[in-house]
Each structure stands twice: as C-alpha cells, then as structure tokens.
Amino acid sequence: MKIATWNVNSLSVRLPQVLDWLQANPVDALGLQELKLTDDKFPHMAFEEAGYKAVSHGQKTYNGVAWITRDTARDVVRNIPGLEDEQARIIASTIDTPSGEVRLINGYFVNGQEPGSDKFAYKMRWLDALHEWVKSEMARHPRLVLVGDFNVAPEDRDSYDPVGLKDTIHHTVQERAHFQGLLQLGLSDAFRMFEQPEKSFSWWDYRMLGFQKNRGLRIDHILVSDALKGSVSACVVDRQPRKNKQPSDHAPVVMTLG
C-alpha cells in the first residue's frame, strides 16, 4: 500500500500533471494541498476516469485540500472540529484495507509569514488545536497517517541554509516544538525512518534557480502512528515532477506500507 502527499499549488493548473503522475505511480491514497478552487469546481470525473475517488475541502483562490483514494473514503471531516477557521486546511477520512481501516489526515498547515506577525500567532493557535484533535483521533483510530505541507523544517538538515535561516519562518523554535509535539503523541516521521541522501528537500523556491541549485526545504511530511510504523518499508521524495514544465514548487512524498 502506498500513501503520498503533494502540494500541487493550483489543481486547475496542475491537474494533467497529477493524472500523469498517478498513472506512473498508482498509489492507494494521495493527499493534495493548495487546490485553490472551490468544491463545485473540483474535477471528480477526471479522477474517476483514472480509477480514483475523491473527497475535497476547497476554497476560492487559496488553500484547499483533498484525498484521492482507490477505495471509497468514509467518515470525512473538514477542518479541525471546534476551531473557528475560514481557511480550508484539513480533510480527514477513513479507508478500509486488507489489514484493517486506516485513518487519513491531510493538512495544509499555516505558513505563518514571519515570527511576531498576526499570521504567526494564527499558526500557533492552529497548531495547538491540531495537536489536541490529532491526539483524540489517535485514541479512536490507532492506525493513523498524518500527511501534508507542514510548513515546518523540523531539523537543520531539512534546510539548505540552517545558519542563515535560523529563527526565520519554518525554522523557528516554536514551529519545531510543535512538530516534536506531534511525534510525542506517538507518531513517527516516515522519511527519517530510513537512511536518506544529504540535502533531501521537498520544496524549492521558483526564484533564483532554487531547484537547480537544490536550495530547498523539507516541509512536506508523512507521519505514521505506532500501529503502522512496523509496516513502513520505504519513504521517498519524488523529485521528477519538479522538473516538469510549469511545475508545482513542491514534490510528492511517497510512503510504502508492507
């Protein structure tokens, strides 16, 4: 079983790339972020023709998340229960597998702009609410996977310039503490369960030849609960789509179970 996450930075622009990628990489579940379209504009038919079903939580121009799955998703939740939030950032669903149900949570985490800003304060509130909700979800669903664009580089090795970018957005002590807090709930960073090449990133700025010079960040993550940890056999960043014409600035991250 394969589960992937990909910030596509506009599904209307990147839909052909996503469909091509799914044909070449037939994963069982793909979490998409930054759809940048409303639910009535979501291309359900295109995914159905490719053999997938989709549930979405969209928003005009900004944000938006979806699960693309082989099997029908159920018990869908949109946004963090109890948190007043106009931004479409969370979608959760459950799928059935031969070894039991798996709870899937997909998030487009708040960027935060810069420490000390109102947007950073919003990020901290959002992360606090996420932590408590994920904790309760794990109590109900021991087999749980949390994926998405976390907008956090958890460690210095997840940044192309950890010294120059120290304490800037994605690198702050507060953001990294929230990431560690999720791990302390009993989740594991699937990518770091395996030996990986140095300077492995999932996002590269469009400007200043960011991808060509590998000036990137690892901010797209897949976290797995203890009940699934023993089944994880691989986790990789697929850099190929970042080489496409008009690519997303993010690359897919793919985890294999079993």
Protein backbone atom coordinates (compact mmCIF):
# COMPACT_ATOMS: atom_id res chain seq x y z
CA MET A 1 0.00 0.00 0.00
CA LYS A 2 1.31 3.44 -0.91
CA ILE A 3 0.25 6.78 0.57
CA ALA A 4 1.50 10.08 -0.84
CA THR A 5 1.28 13.81 -0.22
CA TRP A 6 1.70 16.62 -2.74
CA ASN A 7 1.17 20.37 -2.58
CA VAL A 8 0.18 20.99 -6.19
CA ASN A 9 -0.07 24.80 -5.95
CA SER A 10 -3.30 25.01 -8.01
CA LEU A 11 -5.08 21.86 -9.10
CA SER A 12 -6.67 23.60 -12.09
CA VAL A 13 -3.19 24.35 -13.43
CA ARG A 14 -1.57 21.08 -12.38
CA LEU A 15 -4.38 18.54 -12.98
CA PRO A 16 -2.74 16.96 -16.08
CA GLN A 17 0.50 16.57 -14.12
CA VAL A 18 -1.32 14.93 -11.21
CA LEU A 19 -3.12 12.49 -13.51
CA ASP A 20 0.10 11.64 -15.33
CA TRP A 21 1.85 11.10 -12.01
CA LEU A 22 -0.92 8.81 -10.75
CA GLN A 23 -0.73 6.74 -13.90
CA ALA A 24 3.01 6.29 -13.42
CA ASN A 25 2.74 5.96 -9.62
CA PRO A 26 -0.53 4.17 -8.81
CA VAL A 27 -0.68 4.98 -5.10
CA ASP A 28 -3.62 3.96 -2.94
CA ALA A 29 -4.13 7.38 -1.38
CA LEU A 30 -2.86 10.82 -2.37
CA GLY A 31 -3.33 13.88 -0.19
CA LEU A 32 -3.33 17.12 -2.18
CA GLN A 33 -2.83 20.63 -0.81
CA GLU A 34 -3.32 24.13 -2.20
CA LEU A 35 -6.12 23.18 -4.58
CA LYS A 36 -7.02 26.85 -4.99
CA LEU A 37 -10.53 26.02 -6.21
CA THR A 38 -13.99 25.60 -4.74
CA ASP A 39 -15.63 22.20 -4.31
CA ASP A 40 -18.05 22.79 -7.18
CA LYS A 41 -15.04 23.16 -9.49
CA PHE A 42 -13.29 20.01 -8.26
CA PRO A 43 -12.53 17.61 -11.17
CA HIS A 44 -14.17 14.47 -9.76
CA MET A 45 -14.82 12.99 -13.19
CA ALA A 46 -11.18 13.21 -14.24
CA PHE A 47 -10.09 11.24 -11.17
CA GLU A 48 -12.91 8.71 -11.58
CA GLU A 49 -11.79 8.06 -15.14
CA ALA A 50 -8.32 7.40 -13.74
CA GLY A 51 -9.73 4.84 -11.30
CA TYR A 52 -9.87 7.03 -8.19
CA LYS A 53 -12.43 8.60 -5.91
CA ALA A 54 -12.01 11.99 -4.29
CA VAL A 55 -13.21 13.99 -1.31
CA SER A 56 -12.32 17.66 -1.14
CA HIS A 57 -12.47 20.74 1.02
CA GLY A 58 -11.95 23.64 -1.33
CA GLN A 59 -11.73 27.40 -1.23
CA LYS A 60 -11.58 30.06 -3.90
CA THR A 61 -8.07 31.24 -4.84
CA TYR A 62 -6.32 29.95 -1.72
CA ASN A 63 -5.73 26.80 0.33
CA GLY A 64 -7.89 23.71 -0.24
CA VAL A 65 -7.17 20.04 0.46
CA ALA A 66 -8.33 16.69 -0.93
CA TRP A 67 -7.88 12.94 -0.61
CA ILE A 68 -7.64 10.94 -3.82
CA THR A 69 -8.16 7.25 -2.99
CA ARG A 70 -8.59 3.91 -4.73
CA ASP A 71 -11.39 2.90 -2.38
CA THR A 72 -14.28 4.97 -1.13
CA ALA A 73 -13.39 7.19 1.83
CA ARG A 74 -15.80 7.45 4.73
CA ASP A 75 -16.21 9.42 7.97
CA VAL A 76 -14.97 12.58 6.28
CA VAL A 77 -14.10 15.56 8.48
CA ARG A 78 -13.32 19.01 7.11
CA ASN A 79 -11.24 21.40 9.20
CA ILE A 80 -10.36 20.97 12.87
CA PRO A 81 -13.53 20.42 14.93
CA GLY A 82 -14.05 23.20 17.46
CA LEU A 83 -11.68 25.64 15.76
CA GLU A 84 -13.27 28.60 14.03
CA ASP A 85 -11.33 28.84 10.80
CA GLU A 86 -12.40 30.21 7.44
CA GLN A 87 -9.41 28.62 5.73
CA ALA A 88 -9.83 25.19 4.08
CA ARG A 89 -6.81 23.43 5.57
CA ILE A 90 -7.77 19.96 6.84
CA ILE A 91 -9.55 16.94 5.44
CA ALA A 92 -9.68 13.57 7.17
CA SER A 93 -11.21 10.29 6.06
CA THR A 94 -11.05 6.57 6.70
CA ILE A 95 -10.29 3.89 4.14
CA ASP A 96 -10.54 0.13 4.51
CA THR A 97 -7.53 -2.04 3.70
CA PRO A 98 -6.97 -5.82 3.82
CA SER A 99 -5.19 -5.38 7.16
CA GLY A 100 -7.80 -3.06 8.66
CA GLU A 101 -9.02 0.51 8.45
CA VAL A 102 -6.60 3.43 8.20
CA ARG A 103 -7.44 6.96 9.28
CA LEU A 104 -6.01 9.53 6.89
CA ILE A 105 -5.50 13.18 7.86
CA ASN A 106 -4.29 15.65 5.26
CA GLY A 107 -3.32 19.20 6.16
CA TYR A 108 -2.16 22.38 4.53
CA PHE A 109 -0.54 23.87 7.61
CA VAL A 110 -0.49 27.63 8.14
CA ASN A 111 2.57 29.34 6.65
CA GLY A 112 2.89 31.97 9.37
CA GLN A 113 4.68 34.61 7.29
CA GLU A 114 7.19 35.71 9.94
CA PRO A 115 7.69 35.39 13.70
CA GLY A 116 5.86 38.08 15.64
CA SER A 117 3.21 38.65 12.97
CA ASP A 118 -0.53 38.11 13.32
CA LYS A 119 -0.22 35.25 10.85
CA PHE A 120 2.41 33.60 13.04
CA ALA A 121 0.09 33.88 16.05
CA TYR A 122 -2.64 32.26 13.94
CA LYS A 123 -0.21 29.47 13.07
CA MET A 124 0.48 28.80 16.74
CA ARG A 125 -3.24 28.71 17.59
CA TRP A 126 -3.89 26.42 14.64
CA LEU A 127 -1.07 24.06 15.62
CA ASP A 128 -2.31 23.93 19.22
CA ALA A 129 -5.78 22.95 18.02
CA LEU A 130 -4.35 20.42 15.57
CA HIS A 131 -2.32 18.74 18.33
CA GLU A 132 -5.34 18.22 20.55
CA TRP A 133 -7.51 16.98 17.69
CA VAL A 134 -4.90 14.55 16.37
CA LYS A 135 -4.49 13.23 19.91
CA SER A 136 -8.22 12.48 20.08
CA GLU A 137 -8.23 10.99 16.57
CA MET A 138 -5.38 8.64 17.51
CA ALA A 139 -7.35 7.45 20.52
CA ARG A 140 -10.20 6.45 18.19
CA HIS A 141 -8.07 5.32 15.27
CA PRO A 142 -4.80 3.62 16.27
CA ARG A 143 -3.89 3.08 12.60
CA LEU A 144 -3.46 6.71 11.57
CA VAL A 145 -1.44 8.63 8.97
CA LEU A 146 -0.98 12.42 9.04
CA VAL A 147 0.31 13.95 5.80
CA GLY A 148 0.64 17.36 4.28
CA ASP A 149 2.56 20.54 3.72
CA PHE A 150 3.51 21.24 7.32
CA ASN A 151 5.38 24.48 6.56
CA VAL A 152 7.97 23.37 9.12
CA ALA A 153 11.54 22.21 8.51
CA PRO A 154 11.88 20.00 11.61
CA GLU A 155 15.69 19.93 11.83
CA ASP A 156 18.68 21.83 10.49
CA ARG A 157 19.32 19.08 7.94
CA ASP A 158 15.89 19.82 6.46
CA SER A 159 17.04 23.27 5.30
CA TYR A 160 19.55 24.26 2.62
CA ASP A 161 20.84 27.09 4.86
CA PRO A 162 20.12 26.34 8.53
CA VAL A 163 22.54 29.01 9.76
CA GLY A 164 21.41 31.84 7.51
CA LEU A 165 17.73 30.96 8.01
CA LYS A 166 17.93 30.33 11.76
CA ASP A 167 14.81 31.56 13.58
CA THR A 168 13.09 32.59 10.33
CA ILE A 169 9.71 31.16 9.31
CA HIS A 170 9.67 27.34 9.00
CA HIS A 171 12.80 27.22 11.20
CA THR A 172 11.67 28.75 14.50
CA VAL A 173 11.96 27.03 17.86
CA GLN A 174 8.20 27.31 18.31
CA GLU A 175 7.35 25.62 14.99
CA ARG A 176 9.83 22.84 15.56
CA ALA A 177 8.49 22.28 19.05
CA HIS A 178 5.01 21.77 17.60
CA PHE A 179 6.40 19.21 15.16
CA GLN A 180 8.11 17.38 18.02
CA GLY A 181 4.85 17.53 19.94
CA LEU A 182 3.15 15.52 17.20
CA LEU A 183 5.91 12.93 17.39
CA GLN A 184 5.46 12.74 21.15
CA LEU A 185 1.83 11.75 20.59
CA GLY A 186 3.17 8.51 19.14
CA LEU A 187 3.72 9.48 15.51
CA SER A 188 6.90 8.83 13.53
CA ASP A 189 8.40 10.77 10.63
CA ALA A 190 8.33 8.08 7.92
CA PHE A 191 11.04 9.78 5.85
CA ARG A 192 13.51 9.71 8.74
CA MET A 193 12.92 6.03 9.40
CA PHE A 194 15.34 5.35 6.54
CA GLU A 195 18.78 6.49 5.50
CA GLN A 196 18.32 9.35 3.06
CA PRO A 197 20.62 11.37 0.79
CA GLU A 198 22.01 14.55 2.31
CA LYS A 199 20.13 17.72 1.40
CA SER A 200 16.87 15.91 0.74
CA PHE A 201 14.14 18.51 0.27
CA SER A 202 10.52 18.63 -0.91
CA TRP A 203 10.12 22.34 -1.74
CA TRP A 204 12.24 24.72 -3.80
CA ASP A 205 11.61 28.39 -4.49
CA TYR A 206 10.76 29.25 -8.09
CA ARG A 207 13.19 32.16 -7.88
CA MET A 208 16.98 32.23 -8.13
CA LEU A 209 17.25 28.72 -9.63
CA GLY A 210 16.15 27.24 -6.32
CA PHE A 211 15.58 23.74 -7.68
CA GLN A 212 18.58 23.70 -9.97
CA LYS A 213 20.83 24.73 -7.07
CA ASN A 214 18.95 22.49 -4.59
CA ARG A 215 18.22 25.45 -2.34
CA GLY A 216 15.23 23.80 -0.72
CA LEU A 217 13.41 22.83 2.44
CA ARG A 218 11.85 19.57 3.61
CA ILE A 219 8.44 20.81 4.73
CA ASP A 220 6.16 18.09 3.29
CA HIS A 221 5.82 15.17 5.67
CA ILE A 222 4.16 11.83 6.33
CA LEU A 223 3.75 10.84 9.97
CA VAL A 224 2.57 7.36 10.97
CA SER A 225 1.21 6.00 14.23
CA ASP A 226 2.95 3.26 16.19
CA ALA A 227 0.39 0.71 14.99
CA LEU A 228 1.56 1.27 11.39
CA LYS A 229 5.22 2.08 11.99
CA GLY A 230 6.35 -1.54 11.72
CA SER A 231 4.73 -1.84 8.27
CA VAL A 232 6.57 1.12 6.71
CA SER A 233 9.05 -0.23 4.17
CA ALA A 234 10.04 2.95 2.30
CA CYS A 235 9.53 6.72 2.15
CA VAL A 236 10.96 8.90 -0.62
CA VAL A 237 10.67 12.33 -2.21
CA ASP A 238 9.88 12.05 -5.91
CA ARG A 239 11.80 14.95 -7.45
CA GLN A 240 10.74 14.12 -11.02
CA PRO A 241 7.54 16.25 -11.12
CA ARG A 242 9.55 19.31 -10.04
CA LYS A 243 11.31 19.04 -13.42
CA ASN A 244 8.03 19.39 -15.32
CA LYS A 245 7.16 22.42 -17.37
CA GLN A 246 5.19 24.77 -15.08
CA PRO A 247 5.72 22.53 -12.02
CA SER A 248 4.47 22.96 -8.52
CA ASP A 249 7.19 24.27 -6.24
CA HIS A 250 6.67 21.11 -4.13
CA ALA A 251 7.46 17.48 -4.95
CA PRO A 252 5.41 14.45 -3.89
CA VAL A 253 6.45 12.41 -0.87
CA VAL A 254 5.54 8.71 -1.07
CA MET A 255 5.39 6.15 1.74
CA THR A 256 5.11 2.40 1.21
CA LEU A 257 3.40 0.15 3.77
CA GLY A 258 4.17 -3.56 3.65
